[in-house]
Amino acid sequence: MSETPRVVKKITQHGANDLVFETQEGLLSVARYFAQKRNLPLQYPDNVCVEVGAGALIPIELCEVIPGQIVRKQIPVSVPSGLLRMCN
């Protein structure tokens, strides 16, 4: 994906399979978008996404946390603790 650091606005409550958005062809899930349009099938499509920029959703498995980053907002209880440990 992009090497450009982005600010995470929030962590979603639902996984990439459940999050959908409108396209010219109709509704498309985030997981299907990355598989079809970016040729990046997700290994963990039920994991949450992060929202960046103007509402873009990126599956958390495609994100890399830059060392030294802080969390200013409450992390949803739906985010598994194992995922959080991987980010430390």
C-alpha atoms as a PDB file:
ATOM      1  CA  MET A   1       0.000   0.000   0.000  1.00  0.00           C
ATOM      2  CA  SER A   2       1.170   3.522   0.731  1.00  0.00           C
ATOM      3  CA  GLU A   3       4.341   4.341   2.633  1.00  0.00           C
ATOM      4  CA  THR A   4       2.850   7.698   3.644  1.00  0.00           C
ATOM      5  CA  PRO A   5       2.129   7.909   7.388  1.00  0.00           C
ATOM      6  CA  ARG A   6      -1.524   8.672   8.093  1.00  0.00           C
ATOM      7  CA  VAL A   7      -3.318   9.807  11.216  1.00  0.00           C
ATOM      8  CA  VAL A   8      -5.827   7.287  12.536  1.00  0.00           C
ATOM      9  CA  LYS A   9      -9.103   9.026  13.320  1.00  0.00           C
ATOM     10  CA  LYS A  10     -10.753   5.994  14.883  1.00  0.00           C
ATOM     11  CA  ILE A  11     -10.892   2.204  15.040  1.00  0.00           C
ATOM     12  CA  THR A  12     -14.073   0.657  13.687  1.00  0.00           C
ATOM     13  CA  GLN A  13     -16.443  -1.497  15.722  1.00  0.00           C
ATOM     14  CA  HIS A  14     -16.850  -4.025  12.883  1.00  0.00           C
ATOM     15  CA  GLY A  15     -14.594  -6.053  10.613  1.00  0.00           C
ATOM     16  CA  ALA A  16     -13.748  -5.475   6.947  1.00  0.00           C
ATOM     17  CA  ASN A  17     -16.323  -8.109   5.869  1.00  0.00           C
ATOM     18  CA  ASP A  18     -19.127  -6.151   7.571  1.00  0.00           C
ATOM     19  CA  LEU A  19     -18.151  -2.603   6.586  1.00  0.00           C
ATOM     20  CA  VAL A  20     -19.664  -1.586   3.237  1.00  0.00           C
ATOM     21  CA  PHE A  21     -19.603   1.545   1.112  1.00  0.00           C
ATOM     22  CA  GLU A  22     -21.333   2.733  -2.040  1.00  0.00           C
ATOM     23  CA  THR A  23     -19.590   2.455  -5.423  1.00  0.00           C
ATOM     24  CA  GLN A  24     -20.808   2.982  -8.974  1.00  0.00           C
ATOM     25  CA  GLU A  25     -21.439  -0.776  -9.155  1.00  0.00           C
ATOM     26  CA  GLY A  26     -23.374  -0.866  -5.857  1.00  0.00           C
ATOM     27  CA  LEU A  27     -22.431  -1.761  -2.279  1.00  0.00           C
ATOM     28  CA  LEU A  28     -18.966  -3.219  -1.688  1.00  0.00           C
ATOM     29  CA  SER A  29     -17.405  -4.463   1.545  1.00  0.00           C
ATOM     30  CA  VAL A  30     -13.972  -3.230   2.544  1.00  0.00           C
ATOM     31  CA  ALA A  31     -12.653  -6.814   2.403  1.00  0.00           C
ATOM     32  CA  ARG A  32     -13.992  -7.353  -1.116  1.00  0.00           C
ATOM     33  CA  TYR A  33     -12.648  -3.968  -2.247  1.00  0.00           C
ATOM     34  CA  PHE A  34      -9.099  -4.843  -1.199  1.00  0.00           C
ATOM     35  CA  ALA A  35      -9.364  -8.309  -2.785  1.00  0.00           C
ATOM     36  CA  GLN A  36     -10.837  -7.136  -6.099  1.00  0.00           C
ATOM     37  CA  LYS A  37      -9.546  -3.609  -6.643  1.00  0.00           C
ATOM     38  CA  ARG A  38      -6.148  -3.760  -4.908  1.00  0.00           C
ATOM     39  CA  ASN A  39      -5.402  -7.479  -5.410  1.00  0.00           C
ATOM     40  CA  LEU A  40      -4.848  -7.786  -1.649  1.00  0.00           C
ATOM     41  CA  PRO A  41      -7.096 -10.551  -0.292  1.00  0.00           C
ATOM     42  CA  LEU A  42      -7.291 -10.215   3.478  1.00  0.00           C
ATOM     43  CA  GLN A  43      -6.046 -13.011   5.687  1.00  0.00           C
ATOM     44  CA  TYR A  44      -8.212 -11.758   8.578  1.00  0.00           C
ATOM     45  CA  PRO A  45     -11.318 -10.142   7.009  1.00  0.00           C
ATOM     46  CA  ASP A  46     -13.218 -10.175  10.313  1.00  0.00           C
ATOM     47  CA  ASN A  47     -10.675  -7.931  12.048  1.00  0.00           C
ATOM     48  CA  VAL A  48     -11.448  -4.253  12.558  1.00  0.00           C
ATOM     49  CA  CYS A  49     -10.355  -1.407  10.294  1.00  0.00           C
ATOM     50  CA  VAL A  50      -8.902   1.995  10.996  1.00  0.00           C
ATOM     51  CA  GLU A  51     -10.461   5.155   9.633  1.00  0.00           C
ATOM     52  CA  VAL A  52      -8.007   7.675   8.211  1.00  0.00           C
ATOM     53  CA  GLY A  53      -8.239  10.945   6.305  1.00  0.00           C
ATOM     54  CA  ALA A  54     -11.641  11.717   4.852  1.00  0.00           C
ATOM     55  CA  GLY A  55     -13.251   8.501   6.065  1.00  0.00           C
ATOM     56  CA  ALA A  56     -11.087   5.976   4.200  1.00  0.00           C
ATOM     57  CA  LEU A  57     -11.163   2.559   5.891  1.00  0.00           C
ATOM     58  CA  ILE A  58      -8.017   0.431   5.964  1.00  0.00           C
ATOM     59  CA  PRO A  59      -7.982  -3.130   7.356  1.00  0.00           C
ATOM     60  CA  ILE A  60      -5.810  -3.222  10.447  1.00  0.00           C
ATOM     61  CA  GLU A  61      -3.751  -6.114   9.060  1.00  0.00           C
ATOM     62  CA  LEU A  62      -2.445  -3.764   6.354  1.00  0.00           C
ATOM     63  CA  CYS A  63      -1.336  -1.117   8.849  1.00  0.00           C
ATOM     64  CA  GLU A  64       2.028  -0.596  10.449  1.00  0.00           C
ATOM     65  CA  VAL A  65       2.257   1.415  13.661  1.00  0.00           C
ATOM     66  CA  ILE A  66       5.221   3.771  13.719  1.00  0.00           C
ATOM     67  CA  PRO A  67       7.193   3.365  16.980  1.00  0.00           C
ATOM     68  CA  GLY A  68       6.429   5.950  19.647  1.00  0.00           C
ATOM     69  CA  GLN A  69       2.824   6.641  18.617  1.00  0.00           C
ATOM     70  CA  ILE A  70       0.214   7.341  21.281  1.00  0.00           C
ATOM     71  CA  VAL A  71      -3.522   6.678  21.436  1.00  0.00           C
ATOM     72  CA  ARG A  72      -5.574   9.721  22.369  1.00  0.00           C
ATOM     73  CA  LYS A  73      -8.997   8.078  22.184  1.00  0.00           C
ATOM     74  CA  GLN A  74     -10.634   5.114  23.861  1.00  0.00           C
ATOM     75  CA  ILE A  75      -9.974   1.838  22.036  1.00  0.00           C
ATOM     76  CA  PRO A  76     -13.241  -0.070  21.434  1.00  0.00           C
ATOM     77  CA  VAL A  77     -13.752  -3.179  23.566  1.00  0.00           C
ATOM     78  CA  SER A  78     -14.367  -5.086  20.314  1.00  0.00           C
ATOM     79  CA  VAL A  79     -10.625  -4.866  19.501  1.00  0.00           C
ATOM     80  CA  PRO A  80      -9.003  -8.101  20.723  1.00  0.00           C
ATOM     81  CA  SER A  81      -6.247  -7.612  23.307  1.00  0.00           C
ATOM     82  CA  GLY A  82      -3.906  -9.747  21.164  1.00  0.00           C
ATOM     83  CA  LEU A  83      -4.091  -7.166  18.390  1.00  0.00           C
ATOM     84  CA  LEU A  84      -3.158  -4.436  20.834  1.00  0.00           C
ATOM     85  CA  ARG A  85      -0.169  -6.400  22.133  1.00  0.00           C
ATOM     86  CA  MET A  86       1.127  -6.733  18.557  1.00  0.00           C
ATOM     87  CA  CYS A  87       1.138  -2.934  18.295  1.00  0.00           C
ATOM     88  CA  ASN A  88       3.373  -2.438  21.344  1.00  0.00           C
END
